[in-house]
Amino acid sequence: MHQLYINYFLTNVGSGLINSIQMEGVRMFSPNDWNDSGKDGTSYAADDLKACLEGLARHLFGAVEMRWVDTYFPFTNPSFELEIYFQEKWLEVLGCGVMEQEILKRGGKTDNVAWAFGLGLERLAMVLFDIPDIRLFWSTDKRFTSQFTKGQLGIKFKPFSKWNVRDQVQRQMNVELR
C-alpha cells in the first residue's frame, strides 16, 4: 500500500521574523507496487516521485516551465532538484530523491523503497505574492511585514527602496554573526 506523509513546519517569531518554513513528504512502496511494472524499485520510486511533484508544482505555480536537475543530498540516491522558470530565470523550488536503502533498513523496512522531498515555502510565497528577493523573509522591515495579513491571499508585494532593505538585512546578519 502507498503511504504518503506530508508535514508542514511554520515558525513565526514574535516580531514577524520568519525563521523556518518547510513542507516535507515521504512515500513508501513495497515490492508488490513495482514488481509488475518491469522496473526496479528505485526507478519505479523515482518516476513516481517526479510525476507527483510535477503535479504539485502545476497545482501551486500553474502552467510553468519545469526542469529536473540531478544533484546530491546525503540521504537520497538518486537526488534531484525541481526548478521552475519564474521572472526570466530558473528558480529551485524543492529538493528530493529516493531514500538511501540503509535508512529504510534501520527502520525495519528491508524490502521497501521510498522517496522524500522538501519544499521551502518561501519559494512558493515568492511566486504567489511577486516577492523579488528571498532575503525579505528574514527582514523585520515594517514596509515588508505590514503588507501581509494571515489568511489573505491574492495580495501582491508593493516594492519599496531596495537599498534600505539590503542595509537592514546586512545589519541584522552582522548582529546574528557576532
N, C-alpha and C. Protein backbone atom coordinates (compact mmCIF):
# COMPACT_ATOMS: atom_id res chain seq x y z
N MET A 1 0.84 -1.18 0.00
CA MET A 1 0.00 0.00 0.00
C MET A 1 0.88 1.24 0.00
N HIS A 2 0.49 2.25 -0.79
CA HIS A 2 1.21 3.52 -0.82
C HIS A 2 0.94 4.28 0.47
N GLN A 3 1.97 4.89 0.98
CA GLN A 3 1.83 5.74 2.15
C GLN A 3 2.46 7.07 1.81
N LEU A 4 1.77 8.15 2.06
CA LEU A 4 2.31 9.49 1.81
C LEU A 4 2.14 10.30 3.08
N TYR A 5 3.24 10.83 3.57
CA TYR A 5 3.23 11.64 4.77
C TYR A 5 3.72 13.04 4.39
N ILE A 6 2.96 14.05 4.73
CA ILE A 6 3.39 15.42 4.48
C ILE A 6 3.29 16.18 5.79
N ASN A 7 4.36 16.88 6.13
CA ASN A 7 4.39 17.68 7.34
C ASN A 7 4.66 19.14 6.97
N TYR A 8 3.97 20.03 7.63
CA TYR A 8 4.19 21.45 7.44
C TYR A 8 4.82 21.99 8.72
N PHE A 9 5.87 22.74 8.58
CA PHE A 9 6.51 23.35 9.72
C PHE A 9 6.52 24.85 9.49
N LEU A 10 5.94 25.58 10.41
CA LEU A 10 5.92 27.03 10.30
C LEU A 10 6.29 27.59 11.66
N THR A 11 7.34 28.36 11.69
CA THR A 11 7.75 29.01 12.91
C THR A 11 7.75 30.50 12.65
N ASN A 12 7.01 31.23 13.43
CA ASN A 12 6.93 32.67 13.27
C ASN A 12 7.26 33.30 14.61
N VAL A 13 8.36 34.00 14.66
CA VAL A 13 8.83 34.61 15.90
C VAL A 13 8.16 35.97 16.05
N GLY A 14 7.77 36.30 17.27
CA GLY A 14 7.01 37.48 17.64
C GLY A 14 6.99 38.69 16.73
N SER A 15 8.13 39.20 16.31
CA SER A 15 8.16 40.46 15.58
C SER A 15 7.86 40.30 14.09
N GLY A 16 7.40 39.13 13.68
CA GLY A 16 7.11 38.92 12.27
C GLY A 16 8.28 38.29 11.53
N LEU A 17 9.39 38.05 12.22
CA LEU A 17 10.56 37.44 11.59
C LEU A 17 10.29 35.96 11.40
N ILE A 18 10.42 35.48 10.19
CA ILE A 18 10.15 34.09 9.88
C ILE A 18 11.45 33.31 9.95
N ASN A 19 11.51 32.30 10.81
CA ASN A 19 12.72 31.51 10.97
C ASN A 19 12.76 30.31 10.04
N SER A 20 11.67 29.57 9.92
CA SER A 20 11.71 28.32 9.19
C SER A 20 10.35 28.00 8.61
N ILE A 21 10.32 27.74 7.33
CA ILE A 21 9.08 27.32 6.68
C ILE A 21 9.45 26.17 5.77
N GLN A 22 8.80 25.03 5.95
CA GLN A 22 9.18 23.85 5.17
C GLN A 22 7.99 22.92 5.00
N MET A 23 7.85 22.38 3.81
CA MET A 23 6.88 21.30 3.55
C MET A 23 7.72 20.09 3.18
N GLU A 24 7.45 18.96 3.82
CA GLU A 24 8.21 17.75 3.55
C GLU A 24 7.25 16.59 3.32
N GLY A 25 7.67 15.62 2.53
CA GLY A 25 6.84 14.46 2.29
C GLY A 25 7.66 13.22 2.04
N VAL A 26 7.08 12.07 2.38
CA VAL A 26 7.71 10.76 2.16
C VAL A 26 6.64 9.83 1.62
N ARG A 27 7.00 9.02 0.63
CA ARG A 27 6.09 8.00 0.12
C ARG A 27 6.85 6.69 0.04
N MET A 28 6.24 5.61 0.57
CA MET A 28 6.90 4.32 0.65
C MET A 28 6.20 3.29 -0.24
N PHE A 29 7.00 2.41 -0.84
CA PHE A 29 6.48 1.36 -1.72
C PHE A 29 6.98 0.00 -1.26
N SER A 30 6.16 -1.03 -1.50
CA SER A 30 6.56 -2.41 -1.25
C SER A 30 6.84 -3.07 -2.60
N PRO A 31 7.50 -4.22 -2.62
CA PRO A 31 7.76 -4.90 -3.90
C PRO A 31 6.51 -5.15 -4.72
N ASN A 32 5.37 -5.36 -4.09
CA ASN A 32 4.11 -5.56 -4.83
C ASN A 32 3.77 -4.36 -5.71
N ASP A 33 4.22 -3.18 -5.31
CA ASP A 33 3.92 -1.96 -6.07
C ASP A 33 4.68 -1.91 -7.39
N TRP A 34 5.93 -2.36 -7.40
CA TRP A 34 6.74 -2.22 -8.61
C TRP A 34 6.99 -3.52 -9.38
N ASN A 35 6.69 -4.67 -8.81
CA ASN A 35 7.01 -5.95 -9.47
C ASN A 35 6.44 -6.07 -10.88
N ASP A 36 5.21 -5.65 -11.09
CA ASP A 36 4.57 -5.80 -12.41
C ASP A 36 4.89 -4.66 -13.37
N SER A 37 5.67 -3.68 -12.92
CA SER A 37 5.95 -2.51 -13.75
C SER A 37 7.10 -2.73 -14.74
N GLY A 38 7.90 -3.79 -14.51
CA GLY A 38 9.07 -4.00 -15.36
C GLY A 38 10.25 -3.13 -14.96
N LYS A 39 10.12 -2.41 -13.85
CA LYS A 39 11.19 -1.53 -13.36
C LYS A 39 11.70 -2.06 -12.02
N ASP A 40 12.92 -1.66 -11.66
CA ASP A 40 13.38 -1.96 -10.31
C ASP A 40 12.75 -0.94 -9.35
N GLY A 41 12.85 -1.19 -8.07
CA GLY A 41 12.21 -0.34 -7.08
C GLY A 41 12.66 1.11 -7.12
N THR A 42 13.96 1.32 -7.33
CA THR A 42 14.49 2.68 -7.37
C THR A 42 13.94 3.46 -8.55
N SER A 43 13.94 2.85 -9.73
CA SER A 43 13.40 3.52 -10.92
C SER A 43 11.91 3.80 -10.77
N TYR A 44 11.19 2.83 -10.23
CA TYR A 44 9.75 3.00 -10.02
C TYR A 44 9.49 4.18 -9.08
N ALA A 45 10.22 4.22 -7.97
CA ALA A 45 10.04 5.30 -6.99
C ALA A 45 10.43 6.65 -7.58
N ALA A 46 11.54 6.70 -8.33
CA ALA A 46 11.98 7.97 -8.93
C ALA A 46 10.96 8.49 -9.93
N ASP A 47 10.39 7.60 -10.76
CA ASP A 47 9.37 8.02 -11.73
C ASP A 47 8.11 8.52 -11.01
N ASP A 48 7.69 7.82 -9.96
CA ASP A 48 6.52 8.24 -9.19
C ASP A 48 6.77 9.58 -8.50
N LEU A 49 7.96 9.73 -7.96
CA LEU A 49 8.35 10.97 -7.29
C LEU A 49 8.22 12.15 -8.25
N LYS A 50 8.79 12.03 -9.42
CA LYS A 50 8.76 13.13 -10.40
C LYS A 50 7.33 13.43 -10.84
N ALA A 51 6.53 12.39 -11.08
CA ALA A 51 5.15 12.61 -11.52
C ALA A 51 4.34 13.33 -10.42
N CYS A 52 4.49 12.89 -9.19
CA CYS A 52 3.76 13.51 -8.08
C CYS A 52 4.17 14.96 -7.88
N LEU A 53 5.47 15.22 -7.90
CA LEU A 53 5.94 16.58 -7.63
C LEU A 53 5.70 17.52 -8.79
N GLU A 54 5.69 17.00 -10.02
CA GLU A 54 5.30 17.85 -11.16
C GLU A 54 3.83 18.26 -11.01
N GLY A 55 2.99 17.33 -10.56
CA GLY A 55 1.58 17.65 -10.32
C GLY A 55 1.43 18.69 -9.22
N LEU A 56 2.21 18.55 -8.14
CA LEU A 56 2.19 19.53 -7.06
C LEU A 56 2.63 20.90 -7.58
N ALA A 57 3.70 20.93 -8.36
CA ALA A 57 4.21 22.20 -8.90
C ALA A 57 3.17 22.86 -9.81
N ARG A 58 2.51 22.07 -10.65
CA ARG A 58 1.46 22.63 -11.52
C ARG A 58 0.32 23.20 -10.69
N HIS A 59 -0.03 22.49 -9.62
CA HIS A 59 -1.11 22.96 -8.75
C HIS A 59 -0.71 24.27 -8.05
N LEU A 60 0.52 24.35 -7.58
CA LEU A 60 0.98 25.53 -6.83
C LEU A 60 1.30 26.72 -7.73
N PHE A 61 1.97 26.46 -8.86
CA PHE A 61 2.52 27.54 -9.67
C PHE A 61 1.82 27.75 -11.00
N GLY A 62 0.90 26.85 -11.37
CA GLY A 62 0.21 26.98 -12.65
C GLY A 62 1.03 26.34 -13.76
N ALA A 63 0.72 26.73 -14.98
CA ALA A 63 1.37 26.15 -16.17
C ALA A 63 2.73 26.81 -16.38
N VAL A 64 3.70 26.40 -15.58
CA VAL A 64 5.06 26.95 -15.69
C VAL A 64 5.98 25.92 -16.32
N GLU A 65 7.05 26.41 -16.91
CA GLU A 65 8.07 25.51 -17.44
C GLU A 65 8.85 24.94 -16.25
N MET A 66 9.12 23.63 -16.29
CA MET A 66 9.84 22.95 -15.20
C MET A 66 11.01 22.17 -15.76
N ARG A 67 12.00 21.94 -14.92
CA ARG A 67 13.09 21.05 -15.29
C ARG A 67 13.62 20.37 -14.03
N TRP A 68 14.17 19.17 -14.25
CA TRP A 68 14.79 18.39 -13.18
C TRP A 68 16.30 18.50 -13.30
N VAL A 69 16.95 18.70 -12.17
CA VAL A 69 18.41 18.81 -12.14
C VAL A 69 18.93 17.72 -11.20
N ASP A 70 19.85 16.88 -11.71
CA ASP A 70 20.48 15.89 -10.85
C ASP A 70 21.36 16.61 -9.83
N THR A 71 21.32 16.16 -8.59
CA THR A 71 22.09 16.82 -7.54
C THR A 71 22.51 15.78 -6.50
N TYR A 72 23.04 16.24 -5.39
CA TYR A 72 23.44 15.35 -4.30
C TYR A 72 22.79 15.80 -3.01
N PHE A 73 22.15 14.86 -2.32
CA PHE A 73 21.71 15.04 -0.94
C PHE A 73 22.20 13.81 -0.18
N PRO A 74 22.59 13.96 1.08
CA PRO A 74 23.23 12.84 1.78
C PRO A 74 22.32 11.65 2.09
N PHE A 75 21.01 11.81 2.06
CA PHE A 75 20.14 10.71 2.45
C PHE A 75 19.31 10.14 1.30
N THR A 76 19.57 10.61 0.08
CA THR A 76 18.83 10.10 -1.08
C THR A 76 19.79 9.80 -2.22
N ASN A 77 19.40 8.81 -3.04
CA ASN A 77 20.17 8.46 -4.23
C ASN A 77 19.29 7.62 -5.14
N PRO A 78 18.91 8.15 -6.30
CA PRO A 78 19.31 9.41 -6.89
C PRO A 78 18.64 10.60 -6.20
N SER A 79 19.22 11.78 -6.40
CA SER A 79 18.71 13.03 -5.83
C SER A 79 18.44 14.02 -6.95
N PHE A 80 17.42 14.85 -6.76
CA PHE A 80 17.01 15.82 -7.79
C PHE A 80 16.60 17.14 -7.15
N GLU A 81 16.65 18.19 -7.95
CA GLU A 81 16.02 19.46 -7.63
C GLU A 81 15.03 19.76 -8.74
N LEU A 82 13.87 20.28 -8.37
CA LEU A 82 12.89 20.72 -9.35
C LEU A 82 12.99 22.23 -9.44
N GLU A 83 13.16 22.73 -10.65
CA GLU A 83 13.22 24.17 -10.89
C GLU A 83 12.05 24.58 -11.77
N ILE A 84 11.56 25.79 -11.53
CA ILE A 84 10.54 26.38 -12.40
C ILE A 84 11.11 27.65 -13.01
N TYR A 85 10.62 27.99 -14.19
CA TYR A 85 11.06 29.22 -14.85
C TYR A 85 10.16 30.34 -14.35
N PHE A 86 10.75 31.30 -13.62
CA PHE A 86 10.00 32.34 -12.94
C PHE A 86 10.75 33.66 -13.07
N GLN A 87 10.05 34.70 -13.54
CA GLN A 87 10.63 36.03 -13.70
C GLN A 87 11.94 35.99 -14.47
N GLU A 88 11.91 35.32 -15.62
CA GLU A 88 13.03 35.27 -16.56
C GLU A 88 14.25 34.51 -16.05
N LYS A 89 14.08 33.66 -15.02
CA LYS A 89 15.21 32.84 -14.56
C LYS A 89 14.68 31.56 -13.93
N TRP A 90 15.57 30.57 -13.80
CA TRP A 90 15.23 29.31 -13.17
C TRP A 90 15.29 29.47 -11.66
N LEU A 91 14.25 29.00 -10.96
CA LEU A 91 14.14 29.10 -9.51
C LEU A 91 13.99 27.70 -8.94
N GLU A 92 14.92 27.28 -8.09
CA GLU A 92 14.84 25.97 -7.45
C GLU A 92 13.75 26.03 -6.40
N VAL A 93 12.77 25.11 -6.49
CA VAL A 93 11.65 25.14 -5.56
C VAL A 93 11.63 23.97 -4.59
N LEU A 94 12.31 22.88 -4.93
CA LEU A 94 12.33 21.77 -3.98
C LEU A 94 13.48 20.82 -4.29
N GLY A 95 13.89 20.10 -3.27
CA GLY A 95 14.87 19.03 -3.39
C GLY A 95 14.21 17.72 -3.03
N CYS A 96 14.67 16.63 -3.65
CA CYS A 96 14.01 15.35 -3.42
C CYS A 96 14.92 14.20 -3.86
N GLY A 97 14.46 12.99 -3.62
CA GLY A 97 15.19 11.83 -4.09
C GLY A 97 14.63 10.54 -3.54
N VAL A 98 15.21 9.43 -4.00
CA VAL A 98 14.87 8.10 -3.50
C VAL A 98 15.73 7.86 -2.26
N MET A 99 15.08 7.52 -1.16
CA MET A 99 15.80 7.40 0.11
C MET A 99 16.85 6.29 0.06
N GLU A 100 17.98 6.54 0.70
CA GLU A 100 19.03 5.53 0.81
C GLU A 100 18.46 4.29 1.50
N GLN A 101 18.77 3.12 0.95
CA GLN A 101 18.24 1.86 1.47
C GLN A 101 18.63 1.63 2.92
N GLU A 102 19.79 2.07 3.32
CA GLU A 102 20.24 1.87 4.70
C GLU A 102 19.31 2.54 5.70
N ILE A 103 18.76 3.68 5.35
CA ILE A 103 17.82 4.39 6.24
C ILE A 103 16.57 3.54 6.44
N LEU A 104 16.05 2.99 5.36
CA LEU A 104 14.86 2.16 5.47
C LEU A 104 15.14 0.88 6.25
N LYS A 105 16.30 0.28 6.02
CA LYS A 105 16.66 -0.95 6.75
C LYS A 105 16.71 -0.69 8.25
N ARG A 106 17.29 0.43 8.64
CA ARG A 106 17.36 0.77 10.07
C ARG A 106 15.99 0.98 10.67
N GLY A 107 15.02 1.32 9.85
CA GLY A 107 13.65 1.47 10.30
C GLY A 107 12.84 0.19 10.18
N GLY A 108 13.50 -0.91 9.84
CA GLY A 108 12.82 -2.18 9.74
C GLY A 108 12.09 -2.41 8.43
N LYS A 109 12.33 -1.59 7.43
CA LYS A 109 11.66 -1.70 6.13
C LYS A 109 12.65 -2.23 5.10
N THR A 110 13.07 -3.47 5.27
CA THR A 110 14.15 -4.03 4.46
C THR A 110 13.78 -4.24 3.00
N ASP A 111 12.51 -4.47 2.71
CA ASP A 111 12.10 -4.74 1.33
C ASP A 111 11.47 -3.53 0.64
N ASN A 112 11.40 -2.42 1.34
CA ASN A 112 10.71 -1.26 0.80
C ASN A 112 11.65 -0.28 0.10
N VAL A 113 11.03 0.58 -0.70
CA VAL A 113 11.71 1.71 -1.34
C VAL A 113 10.84 2.92 -1.06
N ALA A 114 11.46 4.08 -0.87
CA ALA A 114 10.70 5.28 -0.57
C ALA A 114 11.34 6.49 -1.21
N TRP A 115 10.53 7.50 -1.44
CA TRP A 115 11.07 8.79 -1.86
C TRP A 115 10.71 9.84 -0.82
N ALA A 116 11.45 10.94 -0.87
CA ALA A 116 11.22 12.04 0.08
C ALA A 116 11.47 13.35 -0.64
N PHE A 117 10.81 14.41 -0.16
CA PHE A 117 11.06 15.74 -0.72
C PHE A 117 10.96 16.79 0.37
N GLY A 118 11.51 17.95 0.10
CA GLY A 118 11.39 19.12 0.96
C GLY A 118 11.22 20.35 0.10
N LEU A 119 10.23 21.16 0.41
CA LEU A 119 9.94 22.37 -0.35
C LEU A 119 9.94 23.55 0.60
N GLY A 120 10.82 24.52 0.37
CA GLY A 120 10.83 25.74 1.16
C GLY A 120 9.67 26.62 0.75
N LEU A 121 8.77 26.88 1.68
CA LEU A 121 7.57 27.63 1.34
C LEU A 121 7.85 29.10 1.02
N GLU A 122 9.06 29.57 1.35
CA GLU A 122 9.42 30.92 0.93
C GLU A 122 9.38 31.03 -0.59
N ARG A 123 9.81 29.98 -1.29
CA ARG A 123 9.80 29.99 -2.76
C ARG A 123 8.37 30.07 -3.28
N LEU A 124 7.48 29.35 -2.64
CA LEU A 124 6.07 29.41 -3.03
C LEU A 124 5.53 30.83 -2.82
N ALA A 125 5.83 31.41 -1.68
CA ALA A 125 5.36 32.77 -1.39
C ALA A 125 5.93 33.78 -2.39
N MET A 126 7.18 33.59 -2.79
CA MET A 126 7.79 34.49 -3.77
C MET A 126 6.97 34.52 -5.05
N VAL A 127 6.54 33.34 -5.50
CA VAL A 127 5.77 33.25 -6.74
C VAL A 127 4.35 33.80 -6.53
N LEU A 128 3.70 33.39 -5.46
CA LEU A 128 2.31 33.80 -5.23
C LEU A 128 2.15 35.30 -5.01
N PHE A 129 3.11 35.91 -4.32
CA PHE A 129 2.98 37.32 -3.94
C PHE A 129 3.92 38.25 -4.70
N ASP A 130 4.61 37.72 -5.73
CA ASP A 130 5.55 38.51 -6.54
C ASP A 130 6.65 39.16 -5.69
N ILE A 131 7.19 38.42 -4.76
CA ILE A 131 8.27 38.91 -3.90
C ILE A 131 9.59 38.64 -4.62
N PRO A 132 10.38 39.68 -4.90
CA PRO A 132 11.55 39.52 -5.75
C PRO A 132 12.81 39.00 -5.08
N ASP A 133 12.89 39.04 -3.75
CA ASP A 133 14.14 38.71 -3.07
C ASP A 133 13.84 37.88 -1.83
N ILE A 134 14.37 36.66 -1.77
CA ILE A 134 14.09 35.76 -0.65
C ILE A 134 14.57 36.33 0.69
N ARG A 135 15.55 37.21 0.66
CA ARG A 135 16.08 37.78 1.90
C ARG A 135 15.06 38.65 2.63
N LEU A 136 14.03 39.10 1.94
CA LEU A 136 12.99 39.90 2.59
C LEU A 136 12.30 39.12 3.70
N PHE A 137 12.23 37.81 3.59
CA PHE A 137 11.56 37.00 4.61
C PHE A 137 12.28 37.05 5.95
N TRP A 138 13.53 37.41 5.96
CA TRP A 138 14.29 37.49 7.21
C TRP A 138 14.46 38.94 7.67
N SER A 139 13.74 39.83 7.05
CA SER A 139 13.78 41.24 7.41
C SER A 139 12.66 41.54 8.40
N THR A 140 12.89 42.44 9.31
CA THR A 140 11.84 42.90 10.21
C THR A 140 11.30 44.26 9.74
N ASP A 141 11.69 44.66 8.55
CA ASP A 141 11.26 45.95 8.00
C ASP A 141 9.74 45.97 7.87
N LYS A 142 9.11 46.91 8.57
CA LYS A 142 7.65 47.01 8.57
C LYS A 142 7.09 47.29 7.18
N ARG A 143 7.89 47.89 6.30
CA ARG A 143 7.41 48.14 4.94
C ARG A 143 7.15 46.82 4.22
N PHE A 144 7.82 45.77 4.65
CA PHE A 144 7.58 44.43 4.09
C PHE A 144 6.52 43.69 4.91
N THR A 145 6.76 43.55 6.22
CA THR A 145 5.90 42.70 7.04
C THR A 145 4.48 43.22 7.14
N SER A 146 4.28 44.53 7.04
CA SER A 146 2.93 45.08 7.17
C SER A 146 2.07 44.84 5.93
N GLN A 147 2.67 44.37 4.84
CA GLN A 147 1.91 44.16 3.61
C GLN A 147 1.10 42.86 3.62
N PHE A 148 1.36 41.99 4.57
CA PHE A 148 0.75 40.67 4.56
C PHE A 148 0.02 40.40 5.87
N THR A 149 -1.18 39.84 5.75
CA THR A 149 -2.02 39.52 6.90
C THR A 149 -2.43 38.06 6.81
N LYS A 150 -2.42 37.39 7.94
CA LYS A 150 -2.79 35.97 7.99
C LYS A 150 -4.15 35.75 7.33
N GLY A 151 -4.20 34.75 6.45
CA GLY A 151 -5.44 34.37 5.81
C GLY A 151 -5.79 35.15 4.56
N GLN A 152 -5.01 36.15 4.20
CA GLN A 152 -5.30 36.94 2.99
C GLN A 152 -4.40 36.51 1.85
N LEU A 153 -5.01 35.92 0.82
CA LEU A 153 -4.28 35.55 -0.38
C LEU A 153 -4.62 36.54 -1.48
N GLY A 154 -3.85 36.52 -2.53
CA GLY A 154 -4.12 37.41 -3.66
C GLY A 154 -3.46 38.78 -3.53
N ILE A 155 -2.76 39.02 -2.44
CA ILE A 155 -2.05 40.28 -2.24
C ILE A 155 -0.73 40.21 -3.01
N LYS A 156 -0.37 41.28 -3.68
CA LYS A 156 0.91 41.34 -4.38
C LYS A 156 1.84 42.30 -3.64
N PHE A 157 3.09 41.94 -3.56
CA PHE A 157 4.10 42.75 -2.91
C PHE A 157 4.20 44.12 -3.57
N LYS A 158 4.26 45.16 -2.74
CA LYS A 158 4.45 46.52 -3.24
C LYS A 158 5.90 46.91 -2.96
N PRO A 159 6.70 47.08 -4.01
CA PRO A 159 8.12 47.38 -3.84
C PRO A 159 8.37 48.69 -3.08
N PHE A 160 9.50 48.73 -2.42
CA PHE A 160 9.99 49.93 -1.78
C PHE A 160 11.49 49.97 -2.00
N SER A 161 12.17 50.96 -1.53
CA SER A 161 13.60 51.13 -1.80
C SER A 161 14.39 49.89 -1.41
N LYS A 162 15.07 49.30 -2.40
CA LYS A 162 15.88 48.11 -2.15
C LYS A 162 17.07 48.41 -1.26
N TRP A 163 17.58 49.62 -1.32
CA TRP A 163 18.77 49.95 -0.54
C TRP A 163 18.49 49.84 0.94
N ASN A 164 17.33 50.32 1.39
CA ASN A 164 17.02 50.23 2.81
C ASN A 164 16.86 48.79 3.28
N VAL A 165 16.23 47.95 2.47
CA VAL A 165 16.07 46.55 2.83
C VAL A 165 17.43 45.87 2.89
N ARG A 166 18.26 46.11 1.88
CA ARG A 166 19.57 45.49 1.84
C ARG A 166 20.40 45.91 3.06
N ASP A 167 20.32 47.20 3.42
CA ASP A 167 21.05 47.68 4.59
C ASP A 167 20.54 47.02 5.86
N GLN A 168 19.21 46.91 5.97
CA GLN A 168 18.63 46.31 7.17
C GLN A 168 18.98 44.83 7.27
N VAL A 169 18.88 44.09 6.19
CA VAL A 169 19.24 42.67 6.20
C VAL A 169 20.72 42.52 6.57
N GLN A 170 21.59 43.37 6.02
CA GLN A 170 23.02 43.30 6.33
C GLN A 170 23.27 43.59 7.80
N ARG A 171 22.60 44.60 8.34
CA ARG A 171 22.76 44.92 9.77
C ARG A 171 22.29 43.75 10.63
N GLN A 172 21.15 43.16 10.27
CA GLN A 172 20.62 42.04 11.03
C GLN A 172 21.58 40.85 10.97
N MET A 173 22.15 40.58 9.79
CA MET A 173 23.08 39.47 9.65
C MET A 173 24.34 39.73 10.47
N ASN A 174 24.82 40.97 10.50
CA ASN A 174 26.01 41.30 11.27
C ASN A 174 25.77 41.08 12.77
N VAL A 175 24.57 41.44 13.25
CA VAL A 175 24.25 41.23 14.66
C VAL A 175 24.21 39.74 14.97
N GLU A 176 23.60 38.94 14.09
CA GLU A 176 23.49 37.50 14.33
C GLU A 176 24.84 36.81 14.26
N LEU A 177 25.78 37.35 13.49
CA LEU A 177 27.10 36.73 13.35
C LEU A 177 28.00 37.02 14.53
N ARG A 178 27.66 38.02 15.30
CA ARG A 178 28.53 38.40 16.46
C ARG A 178 28.44 37.43 17.57
